C-alpha atoms as a PDB file:
ATOM      1  CA  UNK A   1       8.070  -6.475  -0.355  1.00  0.00           C
ATOM      2  CA  UNK A   2       7.303  -6.083  -4.072  1.00  0.00           C
ATOM      3  CA  UNK A   3       4.628  -3.540  -4.843  1.00  0.00           C
ATOM      4  CA  UNK A   4       2.610  -6.010  -6.874  1.00  0.00           C
ATOM      5  CA  UNK A   5       2.610  -8.399  -3.937  1.00  0.00           C
ATOM      6  CA  UNK A   6       1.516  -5.535  -1.684  1.00  0.00           C
ATOM      7  CA  UNK A   7      -1.393  -4.746  -3.986  1.00  0.00           C
ATOM      8  CA  UNK A   8      -2.594  -8.338  -3.910  1.00  0.00           C
ATOM      9  CA  UNK A   9      -1.800  -9.238  -0.280  1.00  0.00           C
ATOM     10  CA  UNK A  10      -3.899  -6.446   1.360  1.00  0.00           C
ATOM     11  CA  UNK A  11      -7.200  -7.179  -0.250  1.00  0.00           C
ATOM     12  CA  UNK A  12      -6.619 -10.959  -0.107  1.00  0.00           C
ATOM     13  CA  UNK A  13      -5.872 -10.849   3.585  1.00  0.00           C
ATOM     14  CA  UNK A  14      -8.967  -8.649   4.044  1.00  0.00           C
ATOM     15  CA  UNK A  15     -11.119 -11.168   2.230  1.00  0.00           C
ATOM     16  CA  UNK A  16      -9.756 -14.051   4.316  1.00  0.00           C
ATOM     17  CA  UNK A  17     -10.243 -12.177   7.624  1.00  0.00           C
ATOM     18  CA  UNK A  18     -13.719 -11.034   6.502  1.00  0.00           C
ATOM     19  CA  UNK A  19     -14.797 -14.504   5.599  1.00  0.00           C
ATOM     20  CA  UNK A  20     -13.491 -15.736   8.936  1.00  0.00           C
ATOM     21  CA  UNK A  21     -15.555 -13.124  10.842  1.00  0.00           C
ATOM     22  CA  UNK A  22     -18.597 -13.728   8.655  1.00  0.00           C
ATOM     23  CA  UNK A  23     -18.468 -17.459   9.447  1.00  0.00           C
ATOM     24  CA  UNK A  24     -17.937 -16.715  13.177  1.00  0.00           C
ATOM     25  CA  UNK A  25     -20.812 -14.221  13.465  1.00  0.00           C
ATOM     26  CA  UNK A  26     -22.995 -15.471  10.565  1.00  0.00           C
ATOM     27  CA  UNK A  27     -23.110 -12.068   8.927  1.00  0.00           C
ATOM     28  CA  UNK A  28     -22.249 -12.805   5.291  1.00  0.00           C
ATOM     29  CA  UNK A  29     -21.064 -10.653   3.412  1.00  0.00           C
ATOM     30  CA  UNK A  30     -20.798  -7.752   5.844  1.00  0.00           C
ATOM     31  CA  UNK A  31     -17.248  -8.381   7.252  1.00  0.00           C
ATOM     32  CA  UNK A  32     -16.064  -9.587   3.840  1.00  0.00           C
ATOM     33  CA  UNK A  33     -16.884  -6.224   2.280  1.00  0.00           C
ATOM     34  CA  UNK A  34     -15.563  -4.208   5.275  1.00  0.00           C
ATOM     35  CA  UNK A  35     -12.209  -6.009   5.426  1.00  0.00           C
ATOM     36  CA  UNK A  36     -11.779  -6.102   1.615  1.00  0.00           C
ATOM     37  CA  UNK A  37     -12.178  -2.270   1.599  1.00  0.00           C
ATOM     38  CA  UNK A  38      -9.803  -1.838   4.565  1.00  0.00           C
ATOM     39  CA  UNK A  39      -7.205  -4.137   2.956  1.00  0.00           C
ATOM     40  CA  UNK A  40      -7.457  -2.366  -0.372  1.00  0.00           C
ATOM     41  CA  UNK A  41      -7.121   1.093   1.180  1.00  0.00           C
ATOM     42  CA  UNK A  42      -4.156  -0.113   3.235  1.00  0.00           C
ATOM     43  CA  UNK A  43      -2.447  -1.447   0.134  1.00  0.00           C
ATOM     44  CA  UNK A  44      -3.015   1.715  -1.830  1.00  0.00           C
ATOM     45  CA  UNK A  45      -1.639   3.821   1.027  1.00  0.00           C
ATOM     46  CA  UNK A  46       1.469   1.578   1.153  1.00  0.00           C
ATOM     47  CA  UNK A  47       2.083   1.895  -2.532  1.00  0.00           C
ATOM     48  CA  UNK A  48       1.573   5.731  -2.277  1.00  0.00           C
ATOM     49  CA  UNK A  49       4.123   5.984   0.545  1.00  0.00           C
ATOM     50  CA  UNK A  50       6.678   3.905  -1.338  1.00  0.00           C
ATOM     51  CA  UNK A  51       6.221   5.900  -4.516  1.00  0.00           C
ATOM     52  CA  UNK A  52       6.467   9.199  -2.626  1.00  0.00           C
ATOM     53  CA  UNK A  53       9.658   8.086  -0.846  1.00  0.00           C
ATOM     54  CA  UNK A  54      11.158   7.060  -4.154  1.00  0.00           C
ATOM     55  CA  UNK A  55      10.368  10.346  -5.729  1.00  0.00           C
ATOM     56  CA  UNK A  56      11.718  12.262  -2.766  1.00  0.00           C
ATOM     57  CA  UNK A  57      15.023  10.337  -3.009  1.00  0.00           C
ATOM     58  CA  UNK A  58      15.228  11.014  -6.731  1.00  0.00           C
ATOM     59  CA  UNK A  59      14.593  14.701  -6.183  1.00  0.00           C
ATOM     60  CA  UNK A  60      17.263  14.905  -3.466  1.00  0.00           C
ATOM     61  CA  UNK A  61      19.808  13.184  -5.776  1.00  0.00           C
ATOM     62  CA  UNK A  62      18.950  15.611  -8.588  1.00  0.00           C
ATOM     63  CA  UNK A  63      19.345  18.625  -6.307  1.00  0.00           C
ATOM     64  CA  UNK A  64      22.734  17.383  -5.009  1.00  0.00           C
ATOM     65  CA  UNK A  65      23.918  16.837  -8.614  1.00  0.00           C
ATOM     66  CA  UNK A  66      22.810  20.336  -9.661  1.00  0.00           C
ATOM     67  CA  UNK A  67      24.554  21.908  -6.615  1.00  0.00           C
ATOM     68  CA  UNK A  68      27.751  20.049  -7.373  1.00  0.00           C
ATOM     69  CA  UNK A  69      27.749  21.149 -10.995  1.00  0.00           C
ATOM     70  CA  UNK A  70      27.107  24.817 -10.034  1.00  0.00           C
ATOM     71  CA  UNK A  71      30.236  24.712  -7.706  1.00  0.00           C
ATOM     72  CA  UNK A  72      32.501  23.652 -10.555  1.00  0.00           C
END
């Protein structure tokens, strides 16, 4: 999934779930706030993991290139 979509989908889903629970239990805005925060944190963690994985792959490629150049 696109990272921009990930950043929007988490909080949006959290808001929708929070509104649903708030309507069910008549607790506005308690669950809205809780699930918005949970969705936002989840999205940020997902983006962090994807960015870290991408950087790790780039570093591995760079190390392989340097090792190949040193052999020749």
